[in-house]
Amino acid sequence: MYTAEEILVENEFPRKIQVNDRATMLNLMRGLNGYTLCSGIISKDLNGDDYVVVPYQANVENPNSIMEIGYITRKYTVLSEIGNTYIQTMKDYFSNK
C-alpha cells in the first residue's frame, strides 16, 4: 500500500483486480472496460488512443483523494541531462493544468 501508484488504495471496492505492472493494467482496462485511479499520464504514442483520462475531483470525505507527484534523488547525486529534461517536462506539463 505504501508504494502504490494509485490513490484511494486503502478504500474497499466491490470488485477489484490488482496488478503490479502498467501493461497488464492497460490491457485489462481495455478488455474489461475497466478503470484505474492513477496520475493520468498515459502516452498515446506508447499505448494508443483507447484510453481517456478523466480528472479526479478530490473531496473532504476521502482524505486519500489527493495525489502528489514528485521525485527522489540520492543525496549528493547530480541528475543526468535526460533526468533534468524529464523533470522540467513534468513541471511544464503540470504547471499548464
Protein backbone atom coordinates (compact mmCIF):
# COMPACT_ATOMS: atom_id res chain seq x y z
CA MET A 1 0.00 0.00 0.00
CA TYR A 2 2.87 2.42 0.72
CA THR A 3 4.35 2.01 -2.74
CA ALA A 4 1.08 2.01 -4.68
CA GLU A 5 0.84 4.43 -7.58
CA GLU A 6 -2.91 4.86 -7.46
CA ILE A 7 -4.88 6.94 -5.00
CA LEU A 8 -7.61 5.56 -2.75
CA VAL A 9 -5.65 2.31 -2.40
CA GLU A 10 -6.96 1.87 1.15
CA ASN A 11 -10.61 2.05 0.07
CA GLU A 12 -12.70 -1.10 -0.29
CA PHE A 13 -14.35 -1.68 -3.68
CA PRO A 14 -16.95 -4.36 -4.52
CA ARG A 15 -14.81 -5.67 -7.41
CA LYS A 16 -11.09 -5.25 -7.71
CA ILE A 17 -8.30 -6.72 -9.81
CA GLN A 18 -4.84 -5.90 -8.56
CA VAL A 19 -1.88 -6.00 -10.92
CA ASN A 20 1.70 -4.91 -10.49
CA ASP A 21 2.65 -3.72 -13.95
CA ARG A 22 1.32 -1.00 -16.21
CA ALA A 23 0.99 -3.09 -19.40
CA THR A 24 -1.24 -5.65 -17.70
CA MET A 25 -3.32 -2.86 -16.15
CA LEU A 26 -3.85 -1.16 -19.53
CA ASN A 27 -4.76 -4.44 -21.24
CA LEU A 28 -7.27 -5.33 -18.52
CA MET A 29 -8.79 -1.86 -18.67
CA ARG A 30 -9.34 -2.25 -22.40
CA GLY A 31 -10.52 -5.87 -22.26
CA LEU A 32 -12.84 -5.47 -19.27
CA ASN A 33 -13.97 -1.89 -19.83
CA GLY A 34 -12.35 -1.02 -16.52
CA TYR A 35 -10.66 1.97 -14.97
CA THR A 36 -7.82 2.85 -12.67
CA LEU A 37 -7.03 5.77 -10.40
CA CYS A 38 -3.58 6.97 -11.37
CA SER A 39 -1.53 10.00 -12.35
CA GLY A 40 -3.28 10.30 -15.71
CA ILE A 41 -0.03 10.34 -17.60
CA ILE A 42 -0.74 7.93 -20.46
CA SER A 43 1.20 8.23 -23.70
CA LYS A 44 -0.85 7.89 -26.88
CA ASP A 45 2.39 7.09 -28.73
CA LEU A 46 3.04 4.09 -26.47
CA ASN A 47 -0.47 2.96 -25.55
CA GLY A 48 -2.69 4.11 -28.41
CA ASP A 49 -5.77 6.27 -28.04
CA ASP A 50 -8.06 3.65 -26.47
CA TYR A 51 -7.82 5.38 -23.08
CA VAL A 52 -9.45 8.53 -21.76
CA VAL A 53 -8.06 10.48 -18.83
CA VAL A 54 -10.81 11.92 -16.63
CA PRO A 55 -9.60 14.29 -13.91
CA TYR A 56 -10.45 13.03 -10.45
CA GLN A 57 -12.14 15.52 -8.14
CA ALA A 58 -10.72 15.35 -4.63
CA ASN A 59 -13.16 15.70 -1.76
CA VAL A 60 -13.08 16.17 2.00
CA GLU A 61 -14.80 12.83 2.64
CA ASN A 62 -11.79 10.96 1.21
CA PRO A 63 -8.55 12.09 2.81
CA ASN A 64 -6.67 9.81 0.35
CA SER A 65 -8.09 11.53 -2.71
CA ILE A 66 -5.16 13.80 -3.49
CA MET A 67 -2.18 12.52 -5.46
CA GLU A 68 1.14 14.27 -5.08
CA ILE A 69 3.73 13.52 -7.74
CA GLY A 70 7.38 14.04 -7.01
CA TYR A 71 10.77 12.50 -7.40
CA ILE A 72 13.54 11.27 -5.15
CA THR A 73 17.27 11.51 -5.76
CA ARG A 74 20.18 10.17 -3.81
CA LYS A 75 21.97 12.66 -1.62
CA TYR A 76 24.89 14.38 -3.40
CA THR A 77 23.84 12.94 -6.77
CA VAL A 78 23.69 15.10 -9.86
CA LEU A 79 20.89 14.28 -12.29
CA SER A 80 21.82 13.44 -15.87
CA GLU A 81 20.83 15.74 -18.71
CA ILE A 82 17.95 13.43 -19.63
CA GLY A 83 16.87 13.33 -15.97
CA ASN A 84 16.79 17.13 -15.81
CA THR A 85 14.88 17.24 -19.12
CA TYR A 86 12.31 14.79 -17.75
CA ILE A 87 11.83 16.78 -14.53
CA GLN A 88 11.47 20.05 -16.48
CA THR A 89 8.99 18.44 -18.88
CA MET A 90 6.86 17.23 -15.95
CA LYS A 91 7.00 20.66 -14.28
CA ASP A 92 5.93 22.32 -17.55
CA TYR A 93 3.15 19.76 -18.05
CA PHE A 94 1.68 20.18 -14.59
CA SER A 95 2.04 23.97 -14.49
CA ASN A 96 -0.27 24.13 -17.54
CA LYS A 97 -3.03 22.14 -15.81
